[in-house]
N, C-alpha and C. Protein backbone atom coordinates (compact mmCIF):
# COMPACT_ATOMS: atom_id res chain seq x y z
N MET A 1 -30.29 -0.09 -9.34
CA MET A 1 -28.87 -0.19 -9.48
C MET A 1 -28.23 0.22 -8.17
N GLU A 2 -27.28 -0.58 -7.71
CA GLU A 2 -26.59 -0.31 -6.46
C GLU A 2 -25.45 0.69 -6.69
N HIS A 3 -25.16 1.52 -5.70
CA HIS A 3 -24.09 2.49 -5.81
C HIS A 3 -23.08 2.30 -4.69
N CYS A 4 -21.86 2.68 -4.95
CA CYS A 4 -20.77 2.62 -3.99
C CYS A 4 -19.98 3.90 -4.18
N GLU A 5 -19.59 4.54 -3.11
CA GLU A 5 -18.85 5.79 -3.23
C GLU A 5 -17.36 5.53 -3.23
N ILE A 6 -16.67 6.09 -4.22
CA ILE A 6 -15.22 5.98 -4.29
C ILE A 6 -14.65 7.39 -4.16
N ALA A 7 -13.94 7.61 -3.08
CA ALA A 7 -13.29 8.89 -2.87
C ALA A 7 -12.03 8.95 -3.72
N PHE A 8 -11.64 10.15 -4.13
CA PHE A 8 -10.43 10.30 -4.91
C PHE A 8 -9.75 11.61 -4.58
N VAL A 9 -8.47 11.68 -4.91
CA VAL A 9 -7.73 12.94 -4.88
C VAL A 9 -7.04 13.08 -6.23
N TRP A 10 -6.81 14.31 -6.63
CA TRP A 10 -6.09 14.60 -7.86
C TRP A 10 -4.59 14.54 -7.59
N GLU A 11 -3.82 14.05 -8.55
CA GLU A 11 -2.38 14.19 -8.50
C GLU A 11 -2.05 15.68 -8.60
N ALA A 12 -0.91 16.09 -8.07
CA ALA A 12 -0.56 17.52 -8.01
C ALA A 12 -0.58 18.19 -9.38
N ASP A 13 -0.09 17.50 -10.42
CA ASP A 13 0.00 18.12 -11.74
C ASP A 13 -1.15 17.75 -12.67
N ALA A 14 -2.20 17.16 -12.12
CA ALA A 14 -3.33 16.71 -12.94
C ALA A 14 -4.14 17.88 -13.49
N ASP A 15 -4.69 17.66 -14.66
CA ASP A 15 -5.61 18.63 -15.28
C ASP A 15 -7.02 18.31 -14.77
N ARG A 16 -7.47 19.06 -13.80
CA ARG A 16 -8.76 18.80 -13.17
C ARG A 16 -9.94 19.12 -14.09
N SER A 17 -9.71 19.87 -15.13
CA SER A 17 -10.80 20.23 -16.04
C SER A 17 -11.31 19.01 -16.83
N LEU A 18 -10.53 17.92 -16.84
CA LEU A 18 -10.98 16.70 -17.54
C LEU A 18 -12.12 16.01 -16.80
N GLY A 19 -12.27 16.33 -15.53
CA GLY A 19 -13.36 15.74 -14.75
C GLY A 19 -13.03 14.34 -14.26
N VAL A 20 -13.95 13.83 -13.50
CA VAL A 20 -13.79 12.49 -12.90
C VAL A 20 -14.29 11.43 -13.89
N PRO A 21 -13.94 10.16 -13.65
CA PRO A 21 -14.51 9.11 -14.51
C PRO A 21 -16.03 9.25 -14.53
N ASN A 22 -16.63 9.00 -15.69
CA ASN A 22 -18.08 9.14 -15.77
C ASN A 22 -18.68 8.06 -16.64
N TYR A 23 -19.94 7.77 -16.35
CA TYR A 23 -20.71 6.78 -17.10
C TYR A 23 -21.36 7.48 -18.29
N ALA A 24 -21.11 6.97 -19.50
CA ALA A 24 -21.62 7.62 -20.71
C ALA A 24 -23.13 7.52 -20.85
N THR A 25 -23.71 6.45 -20.31
CA THR A 25 -25.16 6.26 -20.38
C THR A 25 -25.66 5.76 -19.03
N PRO A 26 -26.96 5.90 -18.75
CA PRO A 26 -27.50 5.44 -17.47
C PRO A 26 -27.31 3.94 -17.23
N GLY A 27 -27.24 3.13 -18.27
CA GLY A 27 -27.09 1.69 -18.11
C GLY A 27 -25.67 1.19 -18.21
N ALA A 28 -24.69 2.09 -18.31
CA ALA A 28 -23.30 1.68 -18.48
C ALA A 28 -22.75 1.02 -17.21
N ALA A 29 -22.01 -0.06 -17.40
CA ALA A 29 -21.34 -0.74 -16.28
C ALA A 29 -19.98 -0.12 -16.00
N GLY A 30 -19.36 0.44 -17.03
CA GLY A 30 -18.03 1.01 -16.89
C GLY A 30 -18.04 2.51 -17.03
N ALA A 31 -17.26 3.17 -16.17
CA ALA A 31 -17.08 4.62 -16.26
C ALA A 31 -15.83 4.89 -17.09
N ASP A 32 -15.92 5.83 -18.01
CA ASP A 32 -14.78 6.16 -18.87
C ASP A 32 -13.68 6.84 -18.06
N VAL A 33 -12.44 6.41 -18.33
CA VAL A 33 -11.25 6.96 -17.69
C VAL A 33 -10.44 7.67 -18.77
N ARG A 34 -9.95 8.87 -18.46
CA ARG A 34 -9.24 9.68 -19.44
C ARG A 34 -7.73 9.75 -19.17
N ALA A 35 -6.99 9.89 -20.26
CA ALA A 35 -5.55 10.12 -20.16
C ALA A 35 -5.33 11.53 -19.63
N ASN A 36 -4.55 11.64 -18.56
CA ASN A 36 -4.24 12.93 -17.97
C ASN A 36 -2.72 13.07 -18.04
N LEU A 37 -2.25 13.54 -19.19
CA LEU A 37 -0.83 13.49 -19.53
C LEU A 37 -0.06 14.72 -19.05
N PRO A 38 1.18 14.48 -18.61
CA PRO A 38 2.04 15.61 -18.23
C PRO A 38 2.19 16.58 -19.40
N ASP A 39 2.24 17.84 -19.11
CA ASP A 39 2.39 18.88 -20.13
C ASP A 39 1.27 18.86 -21.16
N ARG A 40 0.16 18.16 -20.85
CA ARG A 40 -1.02 18.10 -21.73
C ARG A 40 -0.64 17.61 -23.12
N GLY A 41 0.35 16.70 -23.19
CA GLY A 41 0.90 16.25 -24.46
C GLY A 41 0.22 15.03 -25.05
N THR A 42 1.01 14.21 -25.73
CA THR A 42 0.53 13.00 -26.40
C THR A 42 1.48 11.85 -26.11
N VAL A 43 1.00 10.65 -26.33
CA VAL A 43 1.80 9.43 -26.28
C VAL A 43 1.55 8.69 -27.57
N THR A 44 2.61 8.34 -28.30
CA THR A 44 2.46 7.58 -29.54
C THR A 44 2.85 6.13 -29.27
N LEU A 45 1.92 5.23 -29.57
CA LEU A 45 2.17 3.80 -29.43
C LEU A 45 2.40 3.21 -30.81
N THR A 46 3.58 2.68 -31.05
CA THR A 46 3.83 1.98 -32.30
C THR A 46 3.22 0.58 -32.18
N PRO A 47 3.01 -0.13 -33.27
CA PRO A 47 2.45 -1.48 -33.18
C PRO A 47 3.27 -2.36 -32.23
N GLY A 48 2.59 -3.01 -31.30
CA GLY A 48 3.23 -3.88 -30.32
C GLY A 48 3.71 -3.17 -29.07
N ALA A 49 3.74 -1.84 -29.08
CA ALA A 49 4.23 -1.07 -27.92
C ALA A 49 3.15 -0.95 -26.85
N ARG A 50 3.62 -0.71 -25.64
CA ARG A 50 2.70 -0.46 -24.53
C ARG A 50 3.26 0.68 -23.69
N ALA A 51 2.36 1.33 -22.95
CA ALA A 51 2.75 2.47 -22.12
C ALA A 51 1.84 2.53 -20.90
N LEU A 52 2.39 3.06 -19.83
CA LEU A 52 1.59 3.33 -18.63
C LEU A 52 1.09 4.76 -18.76
N VAL A 53 -0.22 4.90 -18.92
CA VAL A 53 -0.83 6.21 -19.16
C VAL A 53 -1.45 6.71 -17.85
N PRO A 54 -1.02 7.87 -17.37
CA PRO A 54 -1.56 8.40 -16.12
C PRO A 54 -2.98 8.93 -16.29
N THR A 55 -3.74 8.84 -15.20
CA THR A 55 -5.11 9.37 -15.17
C THR A 55 -5.22 10.62 -14.30
N GLY A 56 -4.19 10.89 -13.51
CA GLY A 56 -4.23 12.05 -12.62
C GLY A 56 -4.98 11.80 -11.33
N LEU A 57 -5.39 10.55 -11.10
CA LEU A 57 -6.22 10.22 -9.94
C LEU A 57 -5.53 9.25 -8.98
N ARG A 58 -5.92 9.34 -7.73
CA ARG A 58 -5.65 8.33 -6.71
C ARG A 58 -7.02 8.02 -6.09
N LEU A 59 -7.29 6.74 -5.86
CA LEU A 59 -8.61 6.32 -5.39
C LEU A 59 -8.56 5.76 -3.98
N ALA A 60 -9.68 5.85 -3.29
CA ALA A 60 -9.91 5.16 -2.02
C ALA A 60 -11.11 4.25 -2.24
N ILE A 61 -10.83 3.01 -2.59
CA ILE A 61 -11.88 2.03 -2.89
C ILE A 61 -12.33 1.41 -1.57
N PRO A 62 -13.62 1.33 -1.32
CA PRO A 62 -14.09 0.76 -0.05
C PRO A 62 -13.71 -0.70 0.10
N ASP A 63 -13.49 -1.13 1.34
CA ASP A 63 -13.25 -2.54 1.62
C ASP A 63 -14.40 -3.36 1.04
N GLY A 64 -14.06 -4.52 0.50
CA GLY A 64 -15.08 -5.39 -0.08
C GLY A 64 -15.33 -5.12 -1.55
N PHE A 65 -14.59 -4.16 -2.14
CA PHE A 65 -14.73 -3.84 -3.56
C PHE A 65 -13.37 -3.79 -4.22
N GLU A 66 -13.36 -3.84 -5.53
CA GLU A 66 -12.18 -3.61 -6.36
C GLU A 66 -12.62 -2.74 -7.52
N VAL A 67 -11.65 -2.15 -8.20
CA VAL A 67 -11.90 -1.46 -9.46
C VAL A 67 -11.20 -2.28 -10.54
N GLN A 68 -11.92 -2.60 -11.60
CA GLN A 68 -11.35 -3.31 -12.74
C GLN A 68 -11.20 -2.32 -13.88
N LEU A 69 -10.04 -2.32 -14.52
CA LEU A 69 -9.82 -1.50 -15.70
C LEU A 69 -9.92 -2.41 -16.91
N ARG A 70 -10.74 -2.01 -17.86
CA ARG A 70 -11.02 -2.83 -19.04
C ARG A 70 -10.84 -1.99 -20.31
N PRO A 71 -10.54 -2.66 -21.43
CA PRO A 71 -10.41 -1.93 -22.70
C PRO A 71 -11.74 -1.31 -23.12
N ARG A 72 -11.67 -0.28 -23.93
CA ARG A 72 -12.85 0.30 -24.56
C ARG A 72 -13.05 -0.44 -25.87
N SER A 73 -14.25 -0.93 -26.10
CA SER A 73 -14.51 -1.79 -27.27
C SER A 73 -14.26 -1.08 -28.60
N GLY A 74 -14.59 0.19 -28.69
CA GLY A 74 -14.37 0.92 -29.94
C GLY A 74 -12.89 1.05 -30.28
N LEU A 75 -12.06 1.34 -29.27
CA LEU A 75 -10.62 1.43 -29.51
C LEU A 75 -10.05 0.06 -29.90
N ALA A 76 -10.56 -0.99 -29.29
CA ALA A 76 -10.08 -2.34 -29.60
C ALA A 76 -10.44 -2.73 -31.03
N LEU A 77 -11.68 -2.50 -31.42
CA LEU A 77 -12.12 -2.89 -32.76
C LEU A 77 -11.49 -2.04 -33.85
N LYS A 78 -11.51 -0.73 -33.67
CA LYS A 78 -11.06 0.17 -34.74
C LYS A 78 -9.54 0.31 -34.84
N HIS A 79 -8.83 0.17 -33.70
CA HIS A 79 -7.40 0.47 -33.70
C HIS A 79 -6.53 -0.63 -33.07
N GLY A 80 -7.13 -1.66 -32.49
CA GLY A 80 -6.35 -2.71 -31.83
C GLY A 80 -5.78 -2.27 -30.49
N ILE A 81 -6.37 -1.25 -29.88
CA ILE A 81 -5.88 -0.75 -28.59
C ILE A 81 -6.54 -1.54 -27.47
N THR A 82 -5.69 -2.12 -26.62
CA THR A 82 -6.20 -2.98 -25.55
C THR A 82 -5.40 -2.75 -24.28
N LEU A 83 -5.80 -3.41 -23.22
CA LEU A 83 -5.07 -3.40 -21.96
C LEU A 83 -4.51 -4.81 -21.78
N PRO A 84 -3.19 -4.98 -21.82
CA PRO A 84 -2.63 -6.33 -21.83
C PRO A 84 -2.89 -7.13 -20.56
N ASN A 85 -3.22 -6.49 -19.47
CA ASN A 85 -3.52 -7.20 -18.23
C ASN A 85 -5.00 -7.17 -17.89
N ALA A 86 -5.84 -7.01 -18.91
CA ALA A 86 -7.28 -6.84 -18.69
C ALA A 86 -7.92 -8.11 -18.14
N PRO A 87 -8.82 -7.97 -17.17
CA PRO A 87 -9.05 -6.71 -16.48
C PRO A 87 -7.94 -6.45 -15.46
N GLY A 88 -7.46 -5.22 -15.45
CA GLY A 88 -6.50 -4.82 -14.43
C GLY A 88 -7.24 -4.56 -13.14
N THR A 89 -6.71 -5.08 -12.05
CA THR A 89 -7.37 -4.94 -10.75
C THR A 89 -6.69 -3.88 -9.91
N ILE A 90 -7.49 -2.98 -9.36
CA ILE A 90 -7.02 -2.01 -8.38
C ILE A 90 -7.63 -2.45 -7.05
N ASP A 91 -6.77 -2.84 -6.12
CA ASP A 91 -7.21 -3.35 -4.82
C ASP A 91 -7.67 -2.22 -3.90
N ALA A 92 -8.53 -2.57 -2.95
CA ALA A 92 -9.08 -1.58 -2.03
C ALA A 92 -8.00 -0.92 -1.16
N ASP A 93 -6.89 -1.59 -0.93
CA ASP A 93 -5.87 -1.01 -0.06
C ASP A 93 -4.77 -0.27 -0.81
N TYR A 94 -4.89 -0.10 -2.13
CA TYR A 94 -3.91 0.64 -2.93
C TYR A 94 -4.26 2.12 -2.94
N ARG A 95 -3.29 2.97 -2.68
CA ARG A 95 -3.53 4.41 -2.66
C ARG A 95 -2.60 5.18 -3.60
N GLY A 96 -1.89 4.49 -4.47
CA GLY A 96 -0.98 5.15 -5.39
C GLY A 96 -1.69 5.71 -6.60
N PRO A 97 -0.92 6.28 -7.53
CA PRO A 97 -1.50 6.85 -8.75
C PRO A 97 -2.18 5.78 -9.59
N LEU A 98 -3.31 6.14 -10.17
CA LEU A 98 -4.03 5.24 -11.07
C LEU A 98 -3.48 5.43 -12.48
N GLY A 99 -2.79 4.41 -12.96
CA GLY A 99 -2.28 4.41 -14.32
C GLY A 99 -2.91 3.26 -15.09
N VAL A 100 -2.98 3.39 -16.40
CA VAL A 100 -3.58 2.37 -17.25
C VAL A 100 -2.50 1.87 -18.21
N ILE A 101 -2.26 0.56 -18.21
CA ILE A 101 -1.31 -0.04 -19.15
C ILE A 101 -2.05 -0.23 -20.47
N VAL A 102 -1.65 0.53 -21.47
CA VAL A 102 -2.31 0.51 -22.78
C VAL A 102 -1.35 -0.10 -23.79
N MET A 103 -1.88 -0.97 -24.66
CA MET A 103 -1.06 -1.64 -25.67
C MET A 103 -1.67 -1.49 -27.05
N ASN A 104 -0.80 -1.30 -28.03
CA ASN A 104 -1.24 -1.21 -29.42
C ASN A 104 -1.05 -2.58 -30.07
N ALA A 105 -2.13 -3.32 -30.22
CA ALA A 105 -2.11 -4.61 -30.91
C ALA A 105 -2.51 -4.44 -32.37
N GLY A 106 -2.61 -3.21 -32.82
CA GLY A 106 -2.98 -2.92 -34.20
C GLY A 106 -1.78 -2.89 -35.12
N GLU A 107 -2.01 -2.44 -36.33
CA GLU A 107 -0.97 -2.43 -37.36
C GLU A 107 -0.39 -1.04 -37.61
N ASP A 108 -1.01 0.00 -37.06
CA ASP A 108 -0.57 1.38 -37.28
C ASP A 108 -0.24 2.05 -35.96
N ASP A 109 0.57 3.11 -36.02
CA ASP A 109 0.82 3.91 -34.84
C ASP A 109 -0.51 4.44 -34.31
N PHE A 110 -0.59 4.59 -33.00
CA PHE A 110 -1.79 5.15 -32.39
C PHE A 110 -1.37 6.24 -31.42
N VAL A 111 -1.97 7.40 -31.55
CA VAL A 111 -1.63 8.55 -30.71
C VAL A 111 -2.70 8.73 -29.64
N ILE A 112 -2.27 8.72 -28.39
CA ILE A 112 -3.16 9.03 -27.26
C ILE A 112 -2.93 10.50 -26.94
N THR A 113 -4.01 11.25 -26.96
CA THR A 113 -3.96 12.69 -26.70
C THR A 113 -4.50 12.96 -25.31
N HIS A 114 -3.94 13.94 -24.66
CA HIS A 114 -4.41 14.37 -23.35
C HIS A 114 -5.94 14.52 -23.38
N GLY A 115 -6.61 13.86 -22.45
CA GLY A 115 -8.07 13.94 -22.36
C GLY A 115 -8.80 12.80 -23.06
N ASP A 116 -8.09 11.99 -23.87
CA ASP A 116 -8.75 10.86 -24.55
C ASP A 116 -9.28 9.84 -23.53
N ARG A 117 -10.42 9.27 -23.85
CA ARG A 117 -10.95 8.16 -23.05
C ARG A 117 -10.14 6.92 -23.42
N ILE A 118 -9.47 6.31 -22.44
CA ILE A 118 -8.54 5.22 -22.73
C ILE A 118 -8.95 3.87 -22.15
N ALA A 119 -9.88 3.86 -21.22
CA ALA A 119 -10.28 2.61 -20.57
C ALA A 119 -11.63 2.79 -19.91
N GLN A 120 -12.17 1.67 -19.43
CA GLN A 120 -13.39 1.69 -18.63
C GLN A 120 -13.05 1.22 -17.23
N MET A 121 -13.66 1.84 -16.25
CA MET A 121 -13.48 1.46 -14.85
C MET A 121 -14.77 0.83 -14.36
N VAL A 122 -14.67 -0.44 -13.92
CA VAL A 122 -15.83 -1.16 -13.40
C VAL A 122 -15.58 -1.43 -11.91
N VAL A 123 -16.53 -1.07 -11.08
CA VAL A 123 -16.46 -1.33 -9.65
C VAL A 123 -17.16 -2.65 -9.39
N ALA A 124 -16.48 -3.57 -8.68
CA ALA A 124 -17.04 -4.90 -8.46
C ALA A 124 -16.82 -5.35 -7.02
N PRO A 125 -17.78 -6.12 -6.47
CA PRO A 125 -17.59 -6.68 -5.13
C PRO A 125 -16.51 -7.77 -5.16
N VAL A 126 -15.86 -7.95 -4.03
CA VAL A 126 -14.80 -8.95 -3.91
C VAL A 126 -15.20 -9.98 -2.86
N VAL A 127 -14.97 -11.23 -3.18
CA VAL A 127 -15.15 -12.32 -2.23
C VAL A 127 -13.78 -12.98 -2.06
N GLN A 128 -13.29 -13.05 -0.83
CA GLN A 128 -12.03 -13.74 -0.59
C GLN A 128 -12.33 -15.17 -0.17
N ALA A 129 -11.64 -16.12 -0.78
CA ALA A 129 -11.86 -17.53 -0.51
C ALA A 129 -10.97 -18.00 0.64
N ARG A 130 -11.40 -19.06 1.28
CA ARG A 130 -10.55 -19.81 2.19
C ARG A 130 -10.13 -21.04 1.40
N PHE A 131 -8.84 -21.30 1.31
CA PHE A 131 -8.34 -22.44 0.55
C PHE A 131 -8.13 -23.61 1.49
N ALA A 132 -8.68 -24.77 1.10
CA ALA A 132 -8.61 -25.96 1.94
C ALA A 132 -8.03 -27.12 1.14
N ALA A 133 -6.93 -27.66 1.62
CA ALA A 133 -6.32 -28.82 0.97
C ALA A 133 -7.18 -30.05 1.21
N THR A 134 -7.24 -30.91 0.20
CA THR A 134 -8.00 -32.15 0.30
C THR A 134 -7.28 -33.22 -0.52
N ASP A 135 -7.59 -34.46 -0.28
CA ASP A 135 -6.95 -35.56 -1.03
C ASP A 135 -7.67 -35.85 -2.34
N VAL A 136 -8.99 -35.56 -2.40
CA VAL A 136 -9.78 -35.88 -3.58
C VAL A 136 -10.77 -34.74 -3.84
N LEU A 137 -10.93 -34.39 -5.12
CA LEU A 137 -11.93 -33.39 -5.50
C LEU A 137 -13.22 -34.11 -5.88
N PRO A 138 -14.37 -33.48 -5.64
CA PRO A 138 -15.63 -34.11 -6.04
C PRO A 138 -15.72 -34.18 -7.57
N ASP A 139 -16.36 -35.24 -8.09
CA ASP A 139 -16.53 -35.41 -9.53
C ASP A 139 -17.59 -34.45 -10.06
N THR A 140 -17.46 -34.12 -11.35
CA THR A 140 -18.47 -33.35 -12.08
C THR A 140 -18.63 -34.00 -13.44
N PRO A 141 -19.71 -33.71 -14.16
CA PRO A 141 -19.85 -34.28 -15.50
C PRO A 141 -18.70 -33.90 -16.44
N ARG A 142 -18.15 -32.74 -16.28
CA ARG A 142 -17.04 -32.29 -17.13
C ARG A 142 -15.72 -32.94 -16.74
N GLY A 143 -15.52 -33.15 -15.45
CA GLY A 143 -14.26 -33.74 -14.99
C GLY A 143 -13.09 -32.82 -15.20
N SER A 144 -11.97 -33.36 -15.67
CA SER A 144 -10.75 -32.56 -15.82
C SER A 144 -10.58 -32.02 -17.25
N GLY A 145 -11.60 -32.19 -18.09
CA GLY A 145 -11.49 -31.70 -19.48
C GLY A 145 -11.44 -30.17 -19.52
N GLY A 146 -10.54 -29.65 -20.34
CA GLY A 146 -10.41 -28.21 -20.48
C GLY A 146 -9.93 -27.86 -21.86
N PHE A 147 -9.72 -26.58 -22.12
CA PHE A 147 -9.16 -26.10 -23.37
C PHE A 147 -9.89 -26.66 -24.58
N GLY A 148 -11.20 -26.42 -24.63
CA GLY A 148 -12.00 -26.83 -25.78
C GLY A 148 -12.64 -28.19 -25.63
N SER A 149 -12.55 -28.80 -24.47
CA SER A 149 -13.10 -30.15 -24.29
C SER A 149 -14.62 -30.21 -24.36
N THR A 150 -15.28 -29.05 -24.23
CA THR A 150 -16.76 -29.08 -24.29
C THR A 150 -17.28 -28.93 -25.70
N GLY A 151 -16.39 -28.89 -26.69
CA GLY A 151 -16.82 -28.83 -28.08
C GLY A 151 -16.67 -27.46 -28.69
N ARG A 152 -16.84 -27.42 -30.00
CA ARG A 152 -16.64 -26.18 -30.74
C ARG A 152 -17.87 -25.29 -30.70
N ARG A 153 -19.02 -25.83 -30.65
CA ARG A 153 -20.25 -25.01 -30.71
C ARG A 153 -21.03 -25.08 -29.45
């Protein structure tokens, strides 16, 4: 498994006892990110509501990489908690506070408590494309078919 070092600093009012993002198992692709709430409080999300939840971190992502924020599958299945912009991308040149946009797509209120694991952080390599205008695109067997054109099964 390849590793990449991501430097970070704590926000001034962050609860450092929550620790840094961590991988729950040796084979995990995503590191758990925790809510680091002001006054160590809670955030209540009513059905359909969304909130920007602070993590207390600022990152220095190496050039050539990005951090993707993704929903936690257990929260999505059990409570309908998701990230509406998933995967959220944190660019290598961003140095501001790391916040997670969390949305309640469930039917009941959901309370986020200080220290709760709210998302997964995946570090991924980035390839930047060069865009080239052309008059004709090469043909493929699929062609321009989309939105279910390859069949149901």
